[in-house]
Amino acid sequence: MSESEEYRGRIREMRAKAQDLKDAAERTTDPKERRRLKDKARRIEAESDQISGMASGDIYPME
């Protein structure tokens, strides 16, 4: 497996996890838990975007 395939797989897993967290946030009735889950999903999405940029050769990762 090439390095780029590994990155793509990791990014795909991270985005799936972020979507799972968003779905869980929508199902919960506790406002604090909803916010925590949404915040965690945003952090994972931001990290996956950064990894995606680095994997594509972008020297300026997103913040």
Protein backbone atom coordinates (compact mmCIF):
# COMPACT_ATOMS: atom_id res chain seq x y z
CA MET A 1 0.00 0.00 0.00
CA SER A 2 1.44 3.35 -0.99
CA GLU A 3 1.76 6.28 1.35
CA SER A 4 -0.93 8.24 -0.50
CA GLU A 5 -3.34 5.31 -0.17
CA GLU A 6 -2.64 5.23 3.57
CA TYR A 7 -3.40 8.94 3.82
CA ARG A 8 -6.62 8.54 1.87
CA GLY A 9 -7.70 5.67 4.09
CA ARG A 10 -6.94 7.62 7.24
CA ILE A 11 -8.76 10.69 5.93
CA ARG A 12 -11.78 8.58 4.99
CA GLU A 13 -11.85 7.04 8.49
CA MET A 14 -11.56 10.44 10.14
CA ARG A 15 -14.38 11.90 8.09
CA ALA A 16 -16.58 8.89 8.86
CA LYS A 17 -15.85 9.33 12.57
CA ALA A 18 -16.71 13.04 12.34
CA GLN A 19 -20.01 12.16 10.67
CA ASP A 20 -20.77 9.59 13.37
CA LEU A 21 -20.15 12.26 16.01
CA LYS A 22 -22.43 14.72 14.23
CA ASP A 23 -25.15 12.09 14.03
CA ALA A 24 -24.76 11.31 17.73
CA ALA A 25 -24.94 15.04 18.52
CA GLU A 26 -28.25 15.27 16.69
CA ARG A 27 -29.67 12.35 18.66
CA THR A 28 -28.69 13.57 22.13
CA THR A 29 -30.98 15.72 24.21
CA ASP A 30 -28.24 17.07 26.50
CA PRO A 31 -27.09 20.47 25.19
CA LYS A 32 -23.62 20.16 26.74
CA GLU A 33 -23.08 16.72 25.23
CA ARG A 34 -24.35 17.94 21.86
CA ARG A 35 -21.85 20.81 21.90
CA ARG A 36 -19.01 18.50 22.96
CA LEU A 37 -19.76 16.06 20.15
CA LYS A 38 -20.06 18.79 17.54
CA ASP A 39 -16.80 20.40 18.69
CA LYS A 40 -15.01 17.07 18.51
CA ALA A 41 -16.42 16.47 15.01
CA ARG A 42 -15.16 19.90 13.88
CA ARG A 43 -11.68 19.19 15.27
CA ILE A 44 -11.52 15.85 13.46
CA GLU A 45 -12.72 17.44 10.20
CA ALA A 46 -10.11 20.20 10.50
CA GLU A 47 -7.38 17.64 11.12
CA SER A 48 -8.51 15.54 8.15
CA ASP A 49 -8.50 18.65 5.95
CA GLN A 50 -4.97 19.42 7.10
CA ILE A 51 -3.78 15.88 6.40
CA SER A 52 -5.48 15.99 3.02
CA GLY A 53 -3.68 19.21 2.14
CA MET A 54 -0.33 17.85 3.24
CA ALA A 55 -0.89 14.62 1.30
CA SER A 56 -1.64 16.58 -1.85
CA GLY A 57 1.59 18.52 -1.51
CA ASP A 58 0.08 21.74 -0.22
CA ILE A 59 2.82 23.34 1.87
CA TYR A 60 0.36 25.61 3.68
CA PRO A 61 -1.88 23.38 5.80
CA MET A 62 -5.27 24.78 6.73
CA GLU A 63 -5.69 26.06 10.27
